[in-house]
Amino acid sequence: MYIGQVAGTVVATIKHPFFMGRKLLFVERLELTGQTTTRYDIAVDTVQAGVGDRVLVLDEGNSGRQVCDVEPWGPVRAVIVGIVDALTLAQEAA
């Protein structure tokens, strides 16, 4: 699981039936500093996130399939499961 930022949407006219009626978002992973990394996922949106939102992404296939309620071998790996309102990091010990 990681925190990412939605950078765009993905549109595919030809796709697996599982994805029919589901929104796909392009999500960039974030460093703890809030900076984007070079890593990304195309994730199924379950929380109505939008471009620019910071989101909580579940990026483990089995858990993602459970969230989406799909058969054990469904074609899903990354799922957006929350929109991040705030992030507070503990202070480092001196």
PDB file of N, CA and C in Angstrom:
ATOM      1  N   MET A   1       0.854  -1.167   0.000  1.00  0.00           N
ATOM      2  CA  MET A   1       0.000   0.000   0.000  1.00  0.00           C
ATOM      3  C   MET A   1       0.903   1.234   0.000  1.00  0.00           C
ATOM      4  N   TYR A   2       0.470   2.260  -0.697  1.00  0.00           N
ATOM      5  CA  TYR A   2       1.265   3.482  -0.754  1.00  0.00           C
ATOM      6  C   TYR A   2       0.360   4.691  -0.962  1.00  0.00           C
ATOM      7  N   ILE A   3       0.949   5.871  -0.779  1.00  0.00           N
ATOM      8  CA  ILE A   3       0.250   7.120  -1.057  1.00  0.00           C
ATOM      9  C   ILE A   3       0.727   7.619  -2.411  1.00  0.00           C
ATOM     10  N   GLY A   4      -0.232   7.994  -3.245  1.00  0.00           N
ATOM     11  CA  GLY A   4       0.096   8.477  -4.574  1.00  0.00           C
ATOM     12  C   GLY A   4      -0.725   9.699  -4.915  1.00  0.00           C
ATOM     13  N   GLN A   5      -0.475  10.228  -6.095  1.00  0.00           N
ATOM     14  CA  GLN A   5      -1.227  11.379  -6.588  1.00  0.00           C
ATOM     15  C   GLN A   5      -1.767  11.039  -7.963  1.00  0.00           C
ATOM     16  N   VAL A   6      -3.058  11.279  -8.154  1.00  0.00           N
ATOM     17  CA  VAL A   6      -3.689  10.997  -9.435  1.00  0.00           C
ATOM     18  C   VAL A   6      -3.204  12.020 -10.457  1.00  0.00           C
ATOM     19  N   ALA A   7      -2.587  11.513 -11.528  1.00  0.00           N
ATOM     20  CA  ALA A   7      -2.024  12.381 -12.554  1.00  0.00           C
ATOM     21  C   ALA A   7      -2.875  12.419 -13.819  1.00  0.00           C
ATOM     22  N   GLY A   8      -3.795  11.478 -13.951  1.00  0.00           N
ATOM     23  CA  GLY A   8      -4.611  11.467 -15.162  1.00  0.00           C
ATOM     24  C   GLY A   8      -5.571  10.295 -15.180  1.00  0.00           C
ATOM     25  N   THR A   9      -6.331  10.224 -16.255  1.00  0.00           N
ATOM     26  CA  THR A   9      -7.276   9.126 -16.441  1.00  0.00           C
ATOM     27  C   THR A   9      -6.796   8.252 -17.590  1.00  0.00           C
ATOM     28  N   VAL A  10      -7.261   7.020 -17.595  1.00  0.00           N
ATOM     29  CA  VAL A  10      -6.911   6.080 -18.657  1.00  0.00           C
ATOM     30  C   VAL A  10      -8.203   5.657 -19.343  1.00  0.00           C
ATOM     31  N   VAL A  11      -8.233   5.772 -20.665  1.00  0.00           N
ATOM     32  CA  VAL A  11      -9.398   5.375 -21.450  1.00  0.00           C
ATOM     33  C   VAL A  11      -8.970   4.258 -22.392  1.00  0.00           C
ATOM     34  N   ALA A  12      -9.717   3.161 -22.371  1.00  0.00           N
ATOM     35  CA  ALA A  12      -9.446   2.044 -23.265  1.00  0.00           C
ATOM     36  C   ALA A  12     -10.772   1.583 -23.866  1.00  0.00           C
ATOM     37  N   THR A  13     -10.889   1.653 -25.177  1.00  0.00           N
ATOM     38  CA  THR A  13     -12.147   1.257 -25.807  1.00  0.00           C
ATOM     39  C   THR A  13     -12.274  -0.256 -25.886  1.00  0.00           C
ATOM     40  N   ILE A  14     -11.153  -0.947 -25.976  1.00  0.00           N
ATOM     41  CA  ILE A  14     -11.161  -2.411 -25.990  1.00  0.00           C
ATOM     42  C   ILE A  14     -10.462  -2.864 -24.716  1.00  0.00           C
ATOM     43  N   LYS A  15     -11.193  -3.607 -23.870  1.00  0.00           N
ATOM     44  CA  LYS A  15     -10.645  -4.003 -22.583  1.00  0.00           C
ATOM     45  C   LYS A  15     -11.343  -5.252 -22.076  1.00  0.00           C
ATOM     46  N   HIS A  16     -10.781  -5.848 -21.046  1.00  0.00           N
ATOM     47  CA  HIS A  16     -11.370  -7.016 -20.392  1.00  0.00           C
ATOM     48  C   HIS A  16     -12.736  -6.615 -19.835  1.00  0.00           C
ATOM     49  N   PRO A  17     -13.720  -7.500 -19.882  1.00  0.00           N
ATOM     50  CA  PRO A  17     -15.059  -7.171 -19.375  1.00  0.00           C
ATOM     51  C   PRO A  17     -15.079  -6.674 -17.929  1.00  0.00           C
ATOM     52  N   PHE A  18     -14.127  -7.088 -17.112  1.00  0.00           N
ATOM     53  CA  PHE A  18     -14.069  -6.628 -15.719  1.00  0.00           C
ATOM     54  C   PHE A  18     -14.019  -5.107 -15.643  1.00  0.00           C
ATOM     55  N   PHE A  19     -13.338  -4.466 -16.584  1.00  0.00           N
ATOM     56  CA  PHE A  19     -13.125  -3.026 -16.534  1.00  0.00           C
ATOM     57  C   PHE A  19     -14.288  -2.214 -17.102  1.00  0.00           C
ATOM     58  N   MET A  20     -15.286  -2.857 -17.667  1.00  0.00           N
ATOM     59  CA  MET A  20     -16.449  -2.142 -18.198  1.00  0.00           C
ATOM     60  C   MET A  20     -17.152  -1.399 -17.057  1.00  0.00           C
ATOM     61  N   GLY A  21     -17.343  -0.103 -17.208  1.00  0.00           N
ATOM     62  CA  GLY A  21     -18.029   0.694 -16.200  1.00  0.00           C
ATOM     63  C   GLY A  21     -17.172   1.071 -15.008  1.00  0.00           C
ATOM     64  N   ARG A  22     -15.884   0.763 -15.040  1.00  0.00           N
ATOM     65  CA  ARG A  22     -14.979   1.115 -13.940  1.00  0.00           C
ATOM     66  C   ARG A  22     -14.016   2.188 -14.418  1.00  0.00           C
ATOM     67  N   LYS A  23     -13.737   3.151 -13.543  1.00  0.00           N
ATOM     68  CA  LYS A  23     -12.828   4.245 -13.884  1.00  0.00           C
ATOM     69  C   LYS A  23     -11.394   3.818 -13.565  1.00  0.00           C
ATOM     70  N   LEU A  24     -10.500   4.042 -14.526  1.00  0.00           N
ATOM     71  CA  LEU A  24      -9.075   3.750 -14.354  1.00  0.00           C
ATOM     72  C   LEU A  24      -8.322   5.068 -14.244  1.00  0.00           C
ATOM     73  N   LEU A  25      -7.452   5.165 -13.243  1.00  0.00           N
ATOM     74  CA  LEU A  25      -6.685   6.385 -13.027  1.00  0.00           C
ATOM     75  C   LEU A  25      -5.187   6.097 -13.047  1.00  0.00           C
ATOM     76  N   PHE A  26      -4.439   7.041 -13.588  1.00  0.00           N
ATOM     77  CA  PHE A  26      -2.977   6.974 -13.622  1.00  0.00           C
ATOM     78  C   PHE A  26      -2.481   7.606 -12.324  1.00  0.00           C
ATOM     79  N   VAL A  27      -1.820   6.808 -11.483  1.00  0.00           N
ATOM     80  CA  VAL A  27      -1.399   7.271 -10.157  1.00  0.00           C
ATOM     81  C   VAL A  27       0.122   7.211 -10.039  1.00  0.00           C
ATOM     82  N   GLU A  28       0.721   8.356  -9.702  1.00  0.00           N
ATOM     83  CA  GLU A  28       2.166   8.422  -9.464  1.00  0.00           C
ATOM     84  C   GLU A  28       2.429   8.202  -7.979  1.00  0.00           C
ATOM     85  N   ARG A  29       3.405   7.373  -7.673  1.00  0.00           N
ATOM     86  CA  ARG A  29       3.782   7.154  -6.269  1.00  0.00           C
ATOM     87  C   ARG A  29       4.465   8.393  -5.725  1.00  0.00           C
ATOM     88  N   LEU A  30       4.272   8.638  -4.431  1.00  0.00           N
ATOM     89  CA  LEU A  30       4.877   9.806  -3.787  1.00  0.00           C
ATOM     90  C   LEU A  30       5.930   9.387  -2.769  1.00  0.00           C
ATOM     91  N   GLU A  31       6.979  10.213  -2.673  1.00  0.00           N
ATOM     92  CA  GLU A  31       7.968  10.082  -1.599  1.00  0.00           C
ATOM     93  C   GLU A  31       7.340  10.622  -0.318  1.00  0.00           C
ATOM     94  N   LEU A  32       7.978  10.397   0.828  1.00  0.00           N
ATOM     95  CA  LEU A  32       7.482  10.957   2.086  1.00  0.00           C
ATOM     96  C   LEU A  32       7.493  12.481   2.058  1.00  0.00           C
ATOM     97  N   THR A  33       8.337  13.055   1.216  1.00  0.00           N
ATOM     98  CA  THR A  33       8.404  14.518   1.090  1.00  0.00           C
ATOM     99  C   THR A  33       7.247  15.081   0.271  1.00  0.00           C
ATOM    100  N   GLY A  34       6.505  14.204  -0.375  1.00  0.00           N
ATOM    101  CA  GLY A  34       5.410  14.647  -1.230  1.00  0.00           C
ATOM    102  C   GLY A  34       5.787  14.745  -2.698  1.00  0.00           C
ATOM    103  N   GLN A  35       7.064  14.542  -3.010  1.00  0.00           N
ATOM    104  CA  GLN A  35       7.525  14.586  -4.398  1.00  0.00           C
ATOM    105  C   GLN A  35       7.136  13.300  -5.121  1.00  0.00           C
ATOM    106  N   THR A  36       6.809  13.430  -6.398  1.00  0.00           N
ATOM    107  CA  THR A  36       6.488  12.238  -7.177  1.00  0.00           C
ATOM    108  C   THR A  36       7.758  11.460  -7.498  1.00  0.00           C
ATOM    109  N   THR A  37       7.594  10.170  -7.715  1.00  0.00           N
ATOM    110  CA  THR A  37       8.701   9.309  -8.116  1.00  0.00           C
ATOM    111  C   THR A  37       8.502   8.934  -9.580  1.00  0.00           C
ATOM    112  N   THR A  38       9.372   8.092 -10.096  1.00  0.00           N
ATOM    113  CA  THR A  38       9.220   7.622 -11.472  1.00  0.00           C
ATOM    114  C   THR A  38       8.312   6.397 -11.542  1.00  0.00           C
ATOM    115  N   ARG A  39       7.835   5.921 -10.398  1.00  0.00           N
ATOM    116  CA  ARG A  39       6.975   4.732 -10.362  1.00  0.00           C
ATOM    117  C   ARG A  39       5.511   5.147 -10.433  1.00  0.00           C
ATOM    118  N   TYR A  40       4.716   4.320 -11.067  1.00  0.00           N
ATOM    119  CA  TYR A  40       3.292   4.619 -11.218  1.00  0.00           C
ATOM    120  C   TYR A  40       2.485   3.328 -11.318  1.00  0.00           C
ATOM    121  N   ASP A  41       1.186   3.450 -11.181  1.00  0.00           N
ATOM    122  CA  ASP A  41       0.249   2.353 -11.405  1.00  0.00           C
ATOM    123  C   ASP A  41      -0.950   2.889 -12.153  1.00  0.00           C
ATOM    124  N   ILE A  42      -1.607   2.018 -12.864  1.00  0.00           N
ATOM    125  CA  ILE A  42      -2.940   2.303 -13.383  1.00  0.00           C
ATOM    126  C   ILE A  42      -3.869   1.570 -12.437  1.00  0.00           C
ATOM    127  N   ALA A  43      -4.688   2.326 -11.704  1.00  0.00           N
ATOM    128  CA  ALA A  43      -5.477   1.759 -10.621  1.00  0.00           C
ATOM    129  C   ALA A  43      -6.972   1.908 -10.871  1.00  0.00           C
ATOM    130  N   VAL A  44      -7.722   0.911 -10.396  1.00  0.00           N
ATOM    131  CA  VAL A  44      -9.181   0.974 -10.438  1.00  0.00           C
ATOM    132  C   VAL A  44      -9.628   1.904  -9.318  1.00  0.00           C
ATOM    133  N   ASP A  45     -10.487   2.866  -9.650  1.00  0.00           N
ATOM    134  CA  ASP A  45     -10.971   3.834  -8.666  1.00  0.00           C
ATOM    135  C   ASP A  45     -12.230   3.308  -7.989  1.00  0.00           C
ATOM    136  N   THR A  46     -12.200   3.190  -6.656  1.00  0.00           N
ATOM    137  CA  THR A  46     -13.386   2.750  -5.913  1.00  0.00           C
ATOM    138  C   THR A  46     -13.929   3.856  -5.015  1.00  0.00           C
ATOM    139  N   VAL A  47     -13.312   5.051  -5.049  1.00  0.00           N
ATOM    140  CA  VAL A  47     -13.701   6.118  -4.115  1.00  0.00           C
ATOM    141  C   VAL A  47     -14.014   7.448  -4.800  1.00  0.00           C
ATOM    142  N   GLN A  48     -14.158   7.438  -6.110  1.00  0.00           N
ATOM    143  CA  GLN A  48     -14.464   8.638  -6.887  1.00  0.00           C
ATOM    144  C   GLN A  48     -13.381   9.715  -6.753  1.00  0.00           C
ATOM    145  N   ALA A  49     -12.133   9.293  -6.871  1.00  0.00           N
ATOM    146  CA  ALA A  49     -10.998  10.226  -6.835  1.00  0.00           C
ATOM    147  C   ALA A  49     -10.920  10.963  -8.167  1.00  0.00           C
ATOM    148  N   GLY A  50     -10.175  12.063  -8.168  1.00  0.00           N
ATOM    149  CA  GLY A  50     -10.001  12.837  -9.384  1.00  0.00           C
ATOM    150  C   GLY A  50      -8.561  13.275  -9.555  1.00  0.00           C
ATOM    151  N   VAL A  51      -8.260  13.824 -10.704  1.00  0.00           N
ATOM    152  CA  VAL A  51      -6.906  14.294 -11.001  1.00  0.00           C
ATOM    153  C   VAL A  51      -6.490  15.315  -9.944  1.00  0.00           C
ATOM    154  N   GLY A  52      -5.280  15.149  -9.417  1.00  0.00           N
ATOM    155  CA  GLY A  52      -4.742  16.045  -8.395  1.00  0.00           C
ATOM    156  C   GLY A  52      -4.948  15.532  -6.981  1.00  0.00           C
ATOM    157  N   ASP A  53      -5.858  14.572  -6.775  1.00  0.00           N
ATOM    158  CA  ASP A  53      -6.091  14.032  -5.433  1.00  0.00           C
ATOM    159  C   ASP A  53      -4.921  13.172  -4.976  1.00  0.00           C
ATOM    160  N   ARG A  54      -4.612  13.273  -3.694  1.00  0.00           N
ATOM    161  CA  ARG A  54      -3.677  12.332  -3.077  1.00  0.00           C
ATOM    162  C   ARG A  54      -4.513  11.163  -2.594  1.00  0.00           C
ATOM    163  N   VAL A  55      -4.060   9.965  -2.933  1.00  0.00           N
ATOM    164  CA  VAL A  55      -4.879   8.785  -2.686  1.00  0.00           C
ATOM    165  C   VAL A  55      -4.084   7.675  -2.014  1.00  0.00           C
ATOM    166  N   LEU A  56      -4.808   6.774  -1.379  1.00  0.00           N
ATOM    167  CA  LEU A  56      -4.248   5.575  -0.774  1.00  0.00           C
ATOM    168  C   LEU A  56      -4.483   4.436  -1.756  1.00  0.00           C
ATOM    169  N   VAL A  57      -3.397   3.815  -2.202  1.00  0.00           N
ATOM    170  CA  VAL A  57      -3.484   2.776  -3.227  1.00  0.00           C
ATOM    171  C   VAL A  57      -3.083   1.426  -2.636  1.00  0.00           C
ATOM    172  N   LEU A  58      -3.949   0.468  -2.826  1.00  0.00           N
ATOM    173  CA  LEU A  58      -3.683  -0.918  -2.455  1.00  0.00           C
ATOM    174  C   LEU A  58      -3.119  -1.573  -3.705  1.00  0.00           C
ATOM    175  N   ASP A  59      -1.858  -1.987  -3.665  1.00  0.00           N
ATOM    176  CA  ASP A  59      -1.205  -2.492  -4.883  1.00  0.00           C
ATOM    177  C   ASP A  59      -0.806  -3.953  -4.773  1.00  0.00           C
ATOM    178  N   GLU A  60      -1.656  -4.742  -4.180  1.00  0.00           N
ATOM    179  CA  GLU A  60      -1.434  -6.174  -4.056  1.00  0.00           C
ATOM    180  C   GLU A  60      -2.649  -6.862  -4.672  1.00  0.00           C
ATOM    181  N   GLY A  61      -2.419  -7.661  -5.676  1.00  0.00           N
ATOM    182  CA  GLY A  61      -3.494  -8.232  -6.474  1.00  0.00           C
ATOM    183  C   GLY A  61      -4.617  -8.919  -5.721  1.00  0.00           C
ATOM    184  N   ASN A  62      -4.295  -9.829  -4.806  1.00  0.00           N
ATOM    185  CA  ASN A  62      -5.351 -10.570  -4.111  1.00  0.00           C
ATOM    186  C   ASN A  62      -6.250  -9.629  -3.313  1.00  0.00           C
ATOM    187  N   SER A  63      -5.654  -8.702  -2.592  1.00  0.00           N
ATOM    188  CA  SER A  63      -6.450  -7.736  -1.827  1.00  0.00           C
ATOM    189  C   SER A  63      -7.267  -6.849  -2.751  1.00  0.00           C
ATOM    190  N   GLY A  64      -6.685  -6.441  -3.861  1.00  0.00           N
ATOM    191  CA  GLY A  64      -7.401  -5.619  -4.828  1.00  0.00           C
ATOM    192  C   GLY A  64      -8.606  -6.343  -5.402  1.00  0.00           C
ATOM    193  N   ARG A  65      -8.443  -7.629  -5.677  1.00  0.00           N
ATOM    194  CA  ARG A  65      -9.567  -8.410  -6.192  1.00  0.00           C
ATOM    195  C   ARG A  65     -10.662  -8.533  -5.143  1.00  0.00           C
ATOM    196  N   GLN A  66     -10.284  -8.645  -3.864  1.00  0.00           N
ATOM    197  CA  GLN A  66     -11.290  -8.724  -2.803  1.00  0.00           C
ATOM    198  C   GLN A  66     -12.067  -7.419  -2.699  1.00  0.00           C
ATOM    199  N   VAL A  67     -11.382  -6.285  -2.791  1.00  0.00           N
ATOM    200  CA  VAL A  67     -12.052  -4.982  -2.724  1.00  0.00           C
ATOM    201  C   VAL A  67     -13.039  -4.840  -3.882  1.00  0.00           C
ATOM    202  N   CYS A  68     -12.641  -5.299  -5.064  1.00  0.00           N
ATOM    203  CA  CYS A  68     -13.487  -5.175  -6.245  1.00  0.00           C
ATOM    204  C   CYS A  68     -14.489  -6.320  -6.371  1.00  0.00           C
ATOM    205  N   ASP A  69     -14.415  -7.302  -5.479  1.00  0.00           N
ATOM    206  CA  ASP A  69     -15.323  -8.446  -5.490  1.00  0.00           C
ATOM    207  C   ASP A  69     -15.319  -9.145  -6.850  1.00  0.00           C
ATOM    208  N   VAL A  70     -14.120  -9.570  -7.262  1.00  0.00           N
ATOM    209  CA  VAL A  70     -13.944 -10.233  -8.556  1.00  0.00           C
ATOM    210  C   VAL A  70     -13.393 -11.634  -8.328  1.00  0.00           C
ATOM    211  N   GLU A  71     -13.565 -12.511  -9.305  1.00  0.00           N
ATOM    212  CA  GLU A  71     -13.104 -13.897  -9.192  1.00  0.00           C
ATOM    213  C   GLU A  71     -11.622 -13.948  -8.836  1.00  0.00           C
ATOM    214  N   PRO A  72     -11.175 -15.082  -8.297  1.00  0.00           N
ATOM    215  CA  PRO A  72      -9.787 -15.176  -7.803  1.00  0.00           C
ATOM    216  C   PRO A  72      -8.706 -14.817  -8.812  1.00  0.00           C
ATOM    217  N   TRP A  73      -8.960 -14.960 -10.086  1.00  0.00           N
ATOM    218  CA  TRP A  73      -7.923 -14.677 -11.071  1.00  0.00           C
ATOM    219  C   TRP A  73      -8.292 -13.474 -11.942  1.00  0.00           C
ATOM    220  N   GLY A  74      -9.052 -12.546 -11.412  1.00  0.00           N
ATOM    221  CA  GLY A  74      -9.450 -11.345 -12.157  1.00  0.00           C
ATOM    222  C   GLY A  74      -8.258 -10.457 -12.474  1.00  0.00           C
ATOM    223  N   PRO A  75      -8.375  -9.626 -13.510  1.00  0.00           N
ATOM    224  CA  PRO A  75      -7.253  -8.810 -13.981  1.00  0.00           C
ATOM    225  C   PRO A  75      -7.105  -7.477 -13.250  1.00  0.00           C
ATOM    226  N   VAL A  76      -6.955  -7.521 -11.943  1.00  0.00           N
ATOM    227  CA  VAL A  76      -6.784  -6.268 -11.203  1.00  0.00           C
ATOM    228  C   VAL A  76      -5.641  -6.427 -10.215  1.00  0.00           C
ATOM    229  N   ARG A  77      -4.832  -5.381 -10.074  1.00  0.00           N
ATOM    230  CA  ARG A  77      -3.727  -5.406  -9.119  1.00  0.00           C
ATOM    231  C   ARG A  77      -3.749  -4.188  -8.219  1.00  0.00           C
ATOM    232  N   ALA A  78      -3.955  -3.004  -8.787  1.00  0.00           N
ATOM    233  CA  ALA A  78      -3.917  -1.772  -7.999  1.00  0.00           C
ATOM    234  C   ALA A  78      -5.314  -1.169  -7.909  1.00  0.00           C
ATOM    235  N   VAL A  79      -5.711  -0.802  -6.682  1.00  0.00           N
ATOM    236  CA  VAL A  79      -7.036  -0.258  -6.429  1.00  0.00           C
ATOM    237  C   VAL A  79      -6.902   0.967  -5.527  1.00  0.00           C
ATOM    238  N   ILE A  80      -7.566   2.063  -5.882  1.00  0.00           N
ATOM    239  CA  ILE A  80      -7.599   3.244  -5.018  1.00  0.00           C
ATOM    240  C   ILE A  80      -8.667   2.999  -3.970  1.00  0.00           C
ATOM    241  N   VAL A  81      -8.252   3.002  -2.683  1.00  0.00           N
ATOM    242  CA  VAL A  81      -9.169   2.669  -1.598  1.00  0.00           C
ATOM    243  C   VAL A  81      -9.440   3.842  -0.663  1.00  0.00           C
ATOM    244  N   GLY A  82      -8.811   4.994  -0.899  1.00  0.00           N
ATOM    245  CA  GLY A  82      -9.060   6.152  -0.046  1.00  0.00           C
ATOM    246  C   GLY A  82      -8.488   7.422  -0.636  1.00  0.00           C
ATOM    247  N   ILE A  83      -9.078   8.548  -0.234  1.00  0.00           N
ATOM    248  CA  ILE A  83      -8.556   9.865  -0.589  1.00  0.00           C
ATOM    249  C   ILE A  83      -7.938  10.443   0.670  1.00  0.00           C
ATOM    250  N   VAL A  84      -6.667  10.845   0.589  1.00  0.00           N
ATOM    251  CA  VAL A  84      -5.914  11.315   1.752  1.00  0.00           C
ATOM    252  C   VAL A  84      -6.275  12.779   2.035  1.00  0.00           C
ATOM    253  N   ASP A  85      -6.795  13.035   3.242  1.00  0.00           N
ATOM    254  CA  ASP A  85      -7.101  14.403   3.657  1.00  0.00           C
ATOM    255  C   ASP A  85      -5.884  15.080   4.259  1.00  0.00           C
ATOM    256  N   ALA A  86      -5.111  14.335   5.058  1.00  0.00           N
ATOM    257  CA  ALA A  86      -3.927  14.897   5.706  1.00  0.00           C
ATOM    258  C   ALA A  86      -2.951  13.779   6.015  1.00  0.00           C
ATOM    259  N   LEU A  87      -1.690  14.132   6.108  1.00  0.00           N
ATOM    260  CA  LEU A  87      -0.632  13.195   6.452  1.00  0.00           C
ATOM    261  C   LEU A  87       0.274  13.850   7.474  1.00  0.00           C
ATOM    262  N   THR A  88       0.423  13.213   8.615  1.00  0.00           N
ATOM    263  CA  THR A  88       1.293  13.743   9.658  1.00  0.00           C
ATOM    264  C   THR A  88       2.357  12.710   9.960  1.00  0.00           C
ATOM    265  N   LEU A  89       3.613  13.095   9.805  1.00  0.00           N
ATOM    266  CA  LEU A  89       4.728  12.199  10.088  1.00  0.00           C
ATOM    267  C   LEU A  89       5.279  12.469  11.463  1.00  0.00           C
ATOM    268  N   ALA A  90       5.666  11.417  12.168  1.00  0.00           N
ATOM    269  CA  ALA A  90       6.257  11.580  13.502  1.00  0.00           C
ATOM    270  C   ALA A  90       7.613  12.286  13.371  1.00  0.00           C
ATOM    271  N   GLN A  91       7.948  13.094  14.353  1.00  0.00           N
ATOM    272  CA  GLN A  91       9.246  13.774  14.368  1.00  0.00           C
ATOM    273  C   GLN A  91      10.348  12.758  14.593  1.00  0.00           C
ATOM    274  N   GLU A  92      11.487  12.960  13.922  1.00  0.00           N
ATOM    275  CA  GLU A  92      12.626  12.083  14.156  1.00  0.00           C
ATOM    276  C   GLU A  92      13.222  12.360  15.515  1.00  0.00           C
ATOM    277  N   ALA A  93      13.697  11.298  16.169  1.00  0.00           N
ATOM    278  CA  ALA A  93      14.329  11.461  17.487  1.00  0.00           C
ATOM    279  C   ALA A  93      15.652  12.214  17.333  1.00  0.00           C
ATOM    280  N   ALA A  94      15.921  13.112  18.249  1.00  0.00           N
ATOM    281  CA  ALA A  94      17.140  13.925  18.182  1.00  0.00           C
ATOM    282  C   ALA A  94      18.366  13.169  18.586  1.00  0.00           C
TER     283      ALA A  94
END
